[in-house]
Amino acid sequence: MAITARNLKSRNSVLDEIDQTLIGFLSDNARLSHAELARSVGLSPPSVAERLRRLEEDGVVKAYTVELDPKALGYTLTAIVRIRPLPGQLHHVEKLLVESPEVIECDKVTGDDCFVARYLLRSIDELDPILERIAQRAQTSTSIVKASPIKRRLPPIR
């Protein structure tokens, strides 16, 4: 069944407390087994499996994932780069961003800039060569992240 804005909205309004609790546990640890989840919410493992299957089919749960610590991999800096392609260069710039492994996240936005990209860097020395790749096709404005008081989190589900 395809999810539309209308039935997703009505689906969100019927996420019961157990669904919300399951999503909360999985957001903390996506590796929990059905048995562990079942014990936590007072259901049988097959009931939990069915609820999760339904949440997946409805498009509420899109993936189970792993979160890496960039610092443990040697990435000591995060740069946020606002990118304004030069006339006629939008698609070229987007392709460059997609092909850049240092870009861990990128949004196409409205306003003066067209893209806001998040780069992971091992050192500040990596920044100039990365920016030079798009310098002939776009103007950039870069900020170095000092801290992230709010990490990526789930949208409110209650």
N, C-alpha and C. Protein backbone atom coordinates (compact mmCIF):
# COMPACT_ATOMS: atom_id res chain seq x y z
N MET A 1 0.84 -1.17 0.00
CA MET A 1 0.00 0.00 0.00
C MET A 1 0.89 1.24 0.00
N ALA A 2 0.68 2.13 -0.93
CA ALA A 2 1.46 3.36 -1.01
C ALA A 2 1.01 4.32 0.09
N ILE A 3 1.96 5.01 0.66
CA ILE A 3 1.66 5.99 1.70
C ILE A 3 1.45 7.35 1.04
N THR A 4 0.36 7.97 1.34
CA THR A 4 0.11 9.33 0.88
C THR A 4 0.16 10.25 2.09
N ALA A 5 0.23 11.54 1.83
CA ALA A 5 0.27 12.48 2.95
C ALA A 5 -0.96 12.32 3.83
N ARG A 6 -2.12 12.05 3.22
CA ARG A 6 -3.35 11.93 4.00
C ARG A 6 -3.32 10.69 4.90
N ASN A 7 -2.99 9.49 4.33
CA ASN A 7 -3.07 8.32 5.20
C ASN A 7 -1.88 8.23 6.14
N LEU A 8 -0.74 8.88 5.81
CA LEU A 8 0.35 8.94 6.77
C LEU A 8 -0.05 9.81 7.96
N LYS A 9 -0.71 10.92 7.68
CA LYS A 9 -1.16 11.79 8.77
C LYS A 9 -2.14 11.04 9.66
N SER A 10 -3.09 10.33 9.07
CA SER A 10 -4.04 9.59 9.90
C SER A 10 -3.33 8.44 10.60
N ARG A 11 -2.33 7.83 9.95
CA ARG A 11 -1.57 6.74 10.57
C ARG A 11 -0.82 7.25 11.79
N ASN A 12 -0.19 8.44 11.66
CA ASN A 12 0.55 9.00 12.80
C ASN A 12 -0.37 9.25 13.97
N SER A 13 -1.61 9.63 13.70
CA SER A 13 -2.51 9.92 14.80
C SER A 13 -2.96 8.64 15.51
N VAL A 14 -2.75 7.48 14.88
CA VAL A 14 -3.14 6.23 15.53
C VAL A 14 -1.94 5.41 15.98
N LEU A 15 -0.76 6.01 16.03
CA LEU A 15 0.37 5.32 16.64
C LEU A 15 0.04 5.21 18.12
N ASP A 16 -0.25 4.02 18.54
CA ASP A 16 -0.62 3.88 19.95
C ASP A 16 0.63 3.93 20.83
N GLU A 17 0.39 3.87 22.12
CA GLU A 17 1.49 3.98 23.07
C GLU A 17 2.52 2.88 22.90
N ILE A 18 2.08 1.68 22.55
CA ILE A 18 3.02 0.57 22.35
C ILE A 18 3.89 0.83 21.13
N ASP A 19 3.29 1.27 20.01
CA ASP A 19 4.08 1.62 18.82
C ASP A 19 5.11 2.69 19.16
N GLN A 20 4.67 3.73 19.88
CA GLN A 20 5.58 4.81 20.25
C GLN A 20 6.71 4.29 21.13
N THR A 21 6.40 3.40 22.06
CA THR A 21 7.41 2.84 22.94
C THR A 21 8.40 1.98 22.16
N LEU A 22 7.88 1.16 21.23
CA LEU A 22 8.76 0.34 20.39
C LEU A 22 9.72 1.21 19.58
N ILE A 23 9.20 2.27 18.99
CA ILE A 23 10.03 3.18 18.21
C ILE A 23 11.09 3.82 19.11
N GLY A 24 10.70 4.18 20.31
CA GLY A 24 11.66 4.77 21.25
C GLY A 24 12.79 3.81 21.60
N PHE A 25 12.44 2.55 21.90
CA PHE A 25 13.48 1.56 22.22
C PHE A 25 14.39 1.33 21.02
N LEU A 26 13.81 1.22 19.82
CA LEU A 26 14.62 0.98 18.63
C LEU A 26 15.50 2.18 18.29
N SER A 27 15.04 3.38 18.58
CA SER A 27 15.88 4.55 18.30
C SER A 27 17.09 4.57 19.23
N ASP A 28 16.94 4.01 20.42
CA ASP A 28 18.07 3.93 21.36
C ASP A 28 19.01 2.79 21.01
N ASN A 29 18.44 1.68 20.49
CA ASN A 29 19.25 0.50 20.17
C ASN A 29 18.51 -0.33 19.11
N ALA A 30 18.88 -0.14 17.86
CA ALA A 30 18.21 -0.82 16.75
C ALA A 30 18.50 -2.31 16.71
N ARG A 31 19.39 -2.79 17.57
CA ARG A 31 19.75 -4.21 17.58
C ARG A 31 18.93 -5.05 18.56
N LEU A 32 17.99 -4.43 19.26
CA LEU A 32 17.17 -5.19 20.19
C LEU A 32 16.39 -6.27 19.46
N SER A 33 16.34 -7.44 20.04
CA SER A 33 15.60 -8.54 19.43
C SER A 33 14.10 -8.36 19.68
N HIS A 34 13.31 -9.10 18.91
CA HIS A 34 11.87 -9.06 19.13
C HIS A 34 11.53 -9.52 20.55
N ALA A 35 12.27 -10.50 21.04
CA ALA A 35 12.02 -11.00 22.40
C ALA A 35 12.29 -9.91 23.44
N GLU A 36 13.40 -9.18 23.27
CA GLU A 36 13.72 -8.10 24.22
C GLU A 36 12.68 -6.99 24.15
N LEU A 37 12.28 -6.63 22.94
CA LEU A 37 11.25 -5.60 22.79
C LEU A 37 9.93 -6.07 23.40
N ALA A 38 9.59 -7.33 23.18
CA ALA A 38 8.34 -7.88 23.70
C ALA A 38 8.31 -7.80 25.22
N ARG A 39 9.41 -8.17 25.87
CA ARG A 39 9.48 -8.09 27.33
C ARG A 39 9.30 -6.64 27.80
N SER A 40 9.85 -5.71 27.05
CA SER A 40 9.79 -4.30 27.44
C SER A 40 8.39 -3.71 27.35
N VAL A 41 7.57 -4.23 26.42
CA VAL A 41 6.23 -3.66 26.23
C VAL A 41 5.12 -4.60 26.67
N GLY A 42 5.48 -5.79 27.15
CA GLY A 42 4.47 -6.72 27.66
C GLY A 42 3.67 -7.43 26.59
N LEU A 43 4.28 -7.68 25.44
CA LEU A 43 3.63 -8.43 24.36
C LEU A 43 4.45 -9.67 24.04
N SER A 44 3.90 -10.52 23.19
CA SER A 44 4.65 -11.68 22.72
C SER A 44 5.57 -11.25 21.58
N PRO A 45 6.67 -11.98 21.36
CA PRO A 45 7.55 -11.65 20.23
C PRO A 45 6.82 -11.64 18.88
N PRO A 46 5.89 -12.59 18.60
CA PRO A 46 5.19 -12.50 17.31
C PRO A 46 4.33 -11.23 17.19
N SER A 47 3.74 -10.78 18.30
CA SER A 47 2.96 -9.54 18.27
C SER A 47 3.86 -8.33 17.97
N VAL A 48 5.03 -8.31 18.57
CA VAL A 48 5.99 -7.23 18.31
C VAL A 48 6.44 -7.29 16.85
N ALA A 49 6.74 -8.49 16.36
CA ALA A 49 7.16 -8.64 14.96
C ALA A 49 6.09 -8.12 14.02
N GLU A 50 4.84 -8.41 14.30
CA GLU A 50 3.73 -7.96 13.46
C GLU A 50 3.61 -6.43 13.50
N ARG A 51 3.74 -5.85 14.68
CA ARG A 51 3.66 -4.39 14.79
C ARG A 51 4.80 -3.74 14.00
N LEU A 52 6.00 -4.27 14.13
CA LEU A 52 7.13 -3.70 13.41
C LEU A 52 6.96 -3.87 11.90
N ARG A 53 6.44 -5.02 11.47
CA ARG A 53 6.18 -5.23 10.05
C ARG A 53 5.19 -4.20 9.53
N ARG A 54 4.14 -3.94 10.31
CA ARG A 54 3.13 -2.96 9.91
C ARG A 54 3.74 -1.55 9.85
N LEU A 55 4.56 -1.19 10.83
CA LEU A 55 5.22 0.11 10.84
C LEU A 55 6.15 0.26 9.63
N GLU A 56 6.82 -0.82 9.25
CA GLU A 56 7.68 -0.79 8.07
C GLU A 56 6.84 -0.64 6.80
N GLU A 57 5.79 -1.43 6.67
CA GLU A 57 4.93 -1.36 5.48
C GLU A 57 4.27 0.00 5.33
N ASP A 58 3.92 0.62 6.45
CA ASP A 58 3.29 1.93 6.42
C ASP A 58 4.29 3.05 6.19
N GLY A 59 5.58 2.72 6.15
CA GLY A 59 6.60 3.73 5.91
C GLY A 59 6.98 4.54 7.12
N VAL A 60 6.50 4.14 8.30
CA VAL A 60 6.87 4.86 9.53
C VAL A 60 8.32 4.52 9.89
N VAL A 61 8.66 3.23 9.89
CA VAL A 61 10.03 2.77 10.13
C VAL A 61 10.65 2.50 8.76
N LYS A 62 11.68 3.29 8.40
CA LYS A 62 12.30 3.15 7.09
C LYS A 62 13.52 2.25 7.12
N ALA A 63 14.27 2.23 8.23
CA ALA A 63 15.51 1.47 8.26
C ALA A 63 15.95 1.25 9.70
N TYR A 64 16.76 0.25 9.87
CA TYR A 64 17.44 0.00 11.14
C TYR A 64 18.91 0.26 10.82
N THR A 65 19.57 1.04 11.64
CA THR A 65 20.87 1.54 11.23
C THR A 65 21.89 1.48 12.36
N VAL A 66 23.09 1.85 12.01
CA VAL A 66 24.18 1.94 12.98
C VAL A 66 24.65 3.39 13.01
N GLU A 67 25.04 3.85 14.16
CA GLU A 67 25.58 5.21 14.31
C GLU A 67 27.05 5.10 14.64
N LEU A 68 27.88 5.73 13.83
CA LEU A 68 29.32 5.72 14.05
C LEU A 68 29.76 7.00 14.75
N ASP A 69 30.84 6.91 15.50
CA ASP A 69 31.42 8.08 16.12
C ASP A 69 32.53 8.57 15.20
N PRO A 70 32.33 9.70 14.52
CA PRO A 70 33.35 10.18 13.58
C PRO A 70 34.73 10.37 14.22
N LYS A 71 34.76 10.80 15.47
CA LYS A 71 36.05 11.01 16.14
C LYS A 71 36.82 9.70 16.29
N ALA A 72 36.11 8.61 16.53
CA ALA A 72 36.76 7.30 16.65
C ALA A 72 37.38 6.88 15.32
N LEU A 73 36.91 7.46 14.22
CA LEU A 73 37.44 7.16 12.90
C LEU A 73 38.45 8.21 12.44
N GLY A 74 38.79 9.14 13.33
CA GLY A 74 39.81 10.15 13.02
C GLY A 74 39.28 11.45 12.47
N TYR A 75 37.97 11.62 12.38
CA TYR A 75 37.40 12.88 11.89
C TYR A 75 37.24 13.83 13.06
N THR A 76 38.09 14.83 13.11
CA THR A 76 38.11 15.73 14.25
C THR A 76 37.30 17.01 14.02
N LEU A 77 36.96 17.30 12.76
CA LEU A 77 36.24 18.53 12.44
C LEU A 77 35.03 18.25 11.58
N THR A 78 34.00 19.06 11.80
CA THR A 78 32.83 19.06 10.93
C THR A 78 32.71 20.47 10.37
N ALA A 79 32.53 20.55 9.06
CA ALA A 79 32.34 21.84 8.41
C ALA A 79 30.96 21.87 7.78
N ILE A 80 30.28 22.99 7.95
CA ILE A 80 29.01 23.21 7.27
C ILE A 80 29.30 24.23 6.18
N VAL A 81 29.02 23.83 4.94
CA VAL A 81 29.33 24.67 3.79
C VAL A 81 28.04 25.04 3.08
N ARG A 82 27.79 26.34 2.98
CA ARG A 82 26.66 26.85 2.22
C ARG A 82 27.16 27.11 0.81
N ILE A 83 26.45 26.60 -0.18
CA ILE A 83 26.93 26.59 -1.55
C ILE A 83 25.93 27.28 -2.47
N ARG A 84 26.43 28.24 -3.24
CA ARG A 84 25.61 28.97 -4.20
C ARG A 84 26.23 28.74 -5.59
N PRO A 85 25.64 27.82 -6.37
CA PRO A 85 26.18 27.56 -7.71
C PRO A 85 26.13 28.81 -8.59
N LEU A 86 27.11 28.92 -9.46
CA LEU A 86 27.13 29.98 -10.46
C LEU A 86 26.06 29.67 -11.50
N PRO A 87 25.64 30.65 -12.28
CA PRO A 87 24.58 30.41 -13.28
C PRO A 87 24.91 29.22 -14.18
N GLY A 88 23.93 28.34 -14.34
CA GLY A 88 24.08 27.17 -15.19
C GLY A 88 24.86 26.02 -14.58
N GLN A 89 25.27 26.13 -13.32
CA GLN A 89 26.12 25.11 -12.70
C GLN A 89 25.43 24.25 -11.65
N LEU A 90 24.14 24.46 -11.44
CA LEU A 90 23.43 23.77 -10.36
C LEU A 90 23.60 22.26 -10.43
N HIS A 91 23.33 21.66 -11.57
CA HIS A 91 23.39 20.19 -11.69
C HIS A 91 24.82 19.67 -11.57
N HIS A 92 25.79 20.45 -12.08
CA HIS A 92 27.20 20.05 -11.94
C HIS A 92 27.62 20.06 -10.48
N VAL A 93 27.20 21.10 -9.76
CA VAL A 93 27.55 21.19 -8.34
C VAL A 93 26.89 20.06 -7.56
N GLU A 94 25.62 19.80 -7.85
CA GLU A 94 24.94 18.71 -7.15
C GLU A 94 25.64 17.38 -7.39
N LYS A 95 26.07 17.14 -8.62
CA LYS A 95 26.80 15.90 -8.94
C LYS A 95 28.11 15.83 -8.17
N LEU A 96 28.85 16.94 -8.09
CA LEU A 96 30.09 16.97 -7.33
C LEU A 96 29.84 16.64 -5.85
N LEU A 97 28.78 17.19 -5.29
CA LEU A 97 28.46 16.93 -3.89
C LEU A 97 28.12 15.46 -3.68
N VAL A 98 27.31 14.91 -4.55
CA VAL A 98 26.92 13.50 -4.44
C VAL A 98 28.14 12.59 -4.51
N GLU A 99 29.10 12.96 -5.34
CA GLU A 99 30.29 12.13 -5.54
C GLU A 99 31.39 12.36 -4.51
N SER A 100 31.21 13.31 -3.60
CA SER A 100 32.23 13.62 -2.59
C SER A 100 32.00 12.79 -1.33
N PRO A 101 32.90 11.85 -1.03
CA PRO A 101 32.70 10.99 0.14
C PRO A 101 32.76 11.76 1.46
N GLU A 102 33.38 12.93 1.45
CA GLU A 102 33.47 13.73 2.68
C GLU A 102 32.13 14.34 3.07
N VAL A 103 31.21 14.45 2.10
CA VAL A 103 29.89 15.01 2.37
C VAL A 103 29.05 13.92 3.03
N ILE A 104 28.68 14.15 4.28
CA ILE A 104 27.88 13.13 4.99
C ILE A 104 26.40 13.47 4.99
N GLU A 105 26.09 14.71 4.60
CA GLU A 105 24.70 15.13 4.57
C GLU A 105 24.64 16.40 3.73
N CYS A 106 23.57 16.54 2.95
CA CYS A 106 23.43 17.73 2.12
C CYS A 106 21.95 17.99 1.89
N ASP A 107 21.55 19.23 2.04
CA ASP A 107 20.18 19.64 1.78
C ASP A 107 20.16 20.64 0.65
N LYS A 108 19.17 20.51 -0.23
CA LYS A 108 18.90 21.52 -1.25
C LYS A 108 17.90 22.46 -0.61
N VAL A 109 18.24 23.76 -0.56
CA VAL A 109 17.46 24.70 0.23
C VAL A 109 17.00 25.89 -0.60
N THR A 110 16.05 26.63 -0.04
CA THR A 110 15.63 27.89 -0.63
C THR A 110 16.47 29.00 -0.03
N GLY A 111 16.40 30.17 -0.62
CA GLY A 111 17.15 31.31 -0.10
C GLY A 111 18.34 31.62 -0.99
N ASP A 112 19.31 32.31 -0.44
CA ASP A 112 20.47 32.74 -1.23
C ASP A 112 21.33 31.57 -1.68
N ASP A 113 21.44 30.55 -0.84
CA ASP A 113 22.24 29.37 -1.18
C ASP A 113 21.33 28.29 -1.75
N CYS A 114 21.90 27.39 -2.50
CA CYS A 114 21.12 26.27 -3.04
C CYS A 114 21.34 24.99 -2.25
N PHE A 115 22.53 24.85 -1.65
CA PHE A 115 22.85 23.64 -0.90
C PHE A 115 23.48 24.01 0.44
N VAL A 116 23.21 23.19 1.42
CA VAL A 116 23.91 23.26 2.70
C VAL A 116 24.46 21.85 2.93
N ALA A 117 25.79 21.74 2.92
CA ALA A 117 26.44 20.43 3.03
C ALA A 117 27.21 20.34 4.33
N ARG A 118 27.22 19.14 4.87
CA ARG A 118 27.98 18.85 6.10
C ARG A 118 29.13 17.92 5.71
N TYR A 119 30.35 18.38 5.97
CA TYR A 119 31.57 17.64 5.64
C TYR A 119 32.24 17.16 6.92
N LEU A 120 32.81 15.96 6.89
CA LEU A 120 33.67 15.47 7.96
C LEU A 120 35.11 15.58 7.49
N LEU A 121 35.97 16.12 8.36
CA LEU A 121 37.37 16.33 8.02
C LEU A 121 38.27 15.76 9.11
N ARG A 122 39.39 15.21 8.70
CA ARG A 122 40.37 14.73 9.69
C ARG A 122 41.19 15.90 10.23
N SER A 123 41.38 16.92 9.38
CA SER A 123 42.10 18.13 9.83
C SER A 123 41.65 19.30 8.97
N ILE A 124 41.97 20.50 9.42
CA ILE A 124 41.62 21.71 8.69
C ILE A 124 42.32 21.75 7.34
N ASP A 125 43.46 21.06 7.22
CA ASP A 125 44.20 21.02 5.96
C ASP A 125 43.40 20.39 4.83
N GLU A 126 42.42 19.58 5.15
CA GLU A 126 41.60 18.93 4.12
C GLU A 126 40.56 19.88 3.52
N LEU A 127 40.28 20.98 4.19
CA LEU A 127 39.18 21.83 3.75
C LEU A 127 39.43 22.52 2.40
N ASP A 128 40.58 23.16 2.22
CA ASP A 128 40.83 23.88 0.98
C ASP A 128 40.76 22.99 -0.26
N PRO A 129 41.39 21.82 -0.29
CA PRO A 129 41.27 20.98 -1.48
C PRO A 129 39.83 20.57 -1.78
N ILE A 130 39.04 20.37 -0.74
CA ILE A 130 37.63 20.01 -0.93
C ILE A 130 36.88 21.17 -1.56
N LEU A 131 37.09 22.37 -1.03
CA LEU A 131 36.40 23.55 -1.57
C LEU A 131 36.87 23.90 -2.97
N GLU A 132 38.14 23.65 -3.26
CA GLU A 132 38.67 23.94 -4.59
C GLU A 132 37.98 23.10 -5.68
N ARG A 133 37.48 21.92 -5.32
CA ARG A 133 36.79 21.08 -6.30
C ARG A 133 35.54 21.76 -6.86
N ILE A 134 34.92 22.62 -6.08
CA ILE A 134 33.69 23.26 -6.57
C ILE A 134 33.85 24.76 -6.80
N ALA A 135 35.06 25.30 -6.56
CA ALA A 135 35.28 26.74 -6.63
C ALA A 135 34.99 27.33 -8.01
N GLN A 136 35.21 26.57 -9.09
CA GLN A 136 34.96 27.10 -10.43
C GLN A 136 33.47 27.07 -10.78
N ARG A 137 32.69 26.39 -9.96
CA ARG A 137 31.27 26.22 -10.27
C ARG A 137 30.34 26.86 -9.24
N ALA A 138 30.89 27.31 -8.08
CA ALA A 138 30.02 27.82 -7.03
C ALA A 138 30.78 28.72 -6.07
N GLN A 139 30.02 29.57 -5.39
CA GLN A 139 30.54 30.34 -4.26
C GLN A 139 30.21 29.56 -3.00
N THR A 140 31.10 29.63 -2.02
CA THR A 140 30.86 28.90 -0.78
C THR A 140 31.06 29.80 0.42
N SER A 141 30.43 29.41 1.51
CA SER A 141 30.61 30.06 2.80
C SER A 141 30.68 28.92 3.82
N THR A 142 31.77 28.88 4.58
CA THR A 142 32.05 27.73 5.45
C THR A 142 32.03 28.11 6.92
N SER A 143 31.45 27.25 7.72
CA SER A 143 31.49 27.36 9.17
C SER A 143 32.02 26.06 9.74
N ILE A 144 32.87 26.16 10.75
CA ILE A 144 33.36 24.98 11.46
C ILE A 144 32.48 24.77 12.68
N VAL A 145 32.02 23.56 12.87
CA VAL A 145 31.15 23.23 14.01
C VAL A 145 32.00 23.14 15.27
N LYS A 146 31.64 23.92 16.27
CA LYS A 146 32.32 23.87 17.57
C LYS A 146 31.72 22.78 18.45
N ALA A 147 30.41 22.66 18.45
CA ALA A 147 29.71 21.67 19.27
C ALA A 147 28.34 21.42 18.65
N SER A 148 27.76 20.30 18.99
CA SER A 148 26.41 19.96 18.51
C SER A 148 25.53 19.68 19.72
N PRO A 149 24.92 20.72 20.30
CA PRO A 149 24.12 20.51 21.50
C PRO A 149 22.90 19.62 21.25
N ILE A 150 22.42 19.58 20.01
CA ILE A 150 21.31 18.69 19.67
C ILE A 150 21.77 17.80 18.54
N LYS A 151 21.92 16.54 18.82
CA LYS A 151 22.27 15.57 17.78
C LYS A 151 21.01 15.26 16.99
N ARG A 152 21.19 14.65 15.83
CA ARG A 152 20.03 14.25 15.03
C ARG A 152 19.13 13.39 15.90
N ARG A 153 17.86 13.71 15.86
CA ARG A 153 16.91 12.98 16.70
C ARG A 153 15.64 12.72 15.91
N LEU A 154 14.81 11.86 16.46
CA LEU A 154 13.55 11.53 15.82
C LEU A 154 12.58 12.70 15.92
N PRO A 155 11.68 12.83 14.94
CA PRO A 155 10.65 13.84 15.10
C PRO A 155 9.69 13.44 16.22
N PRO A 156 8.96 14.38 16.78
CA PRO A 156 8.00 14.02 17.83
C PRO A 156 6.97 13.04 17.27
N ILE A 157 6.70 11.97 18.03
CA ILE A 157 5.73 10.97 17.56
C ILE A 157 4.51 10.90 18.46
N ARG A 158 4.47 11.68 19.47
CA ARG A 158 3.32 11.65 20.37
C ARG A 158 2.37 12.75 20.07
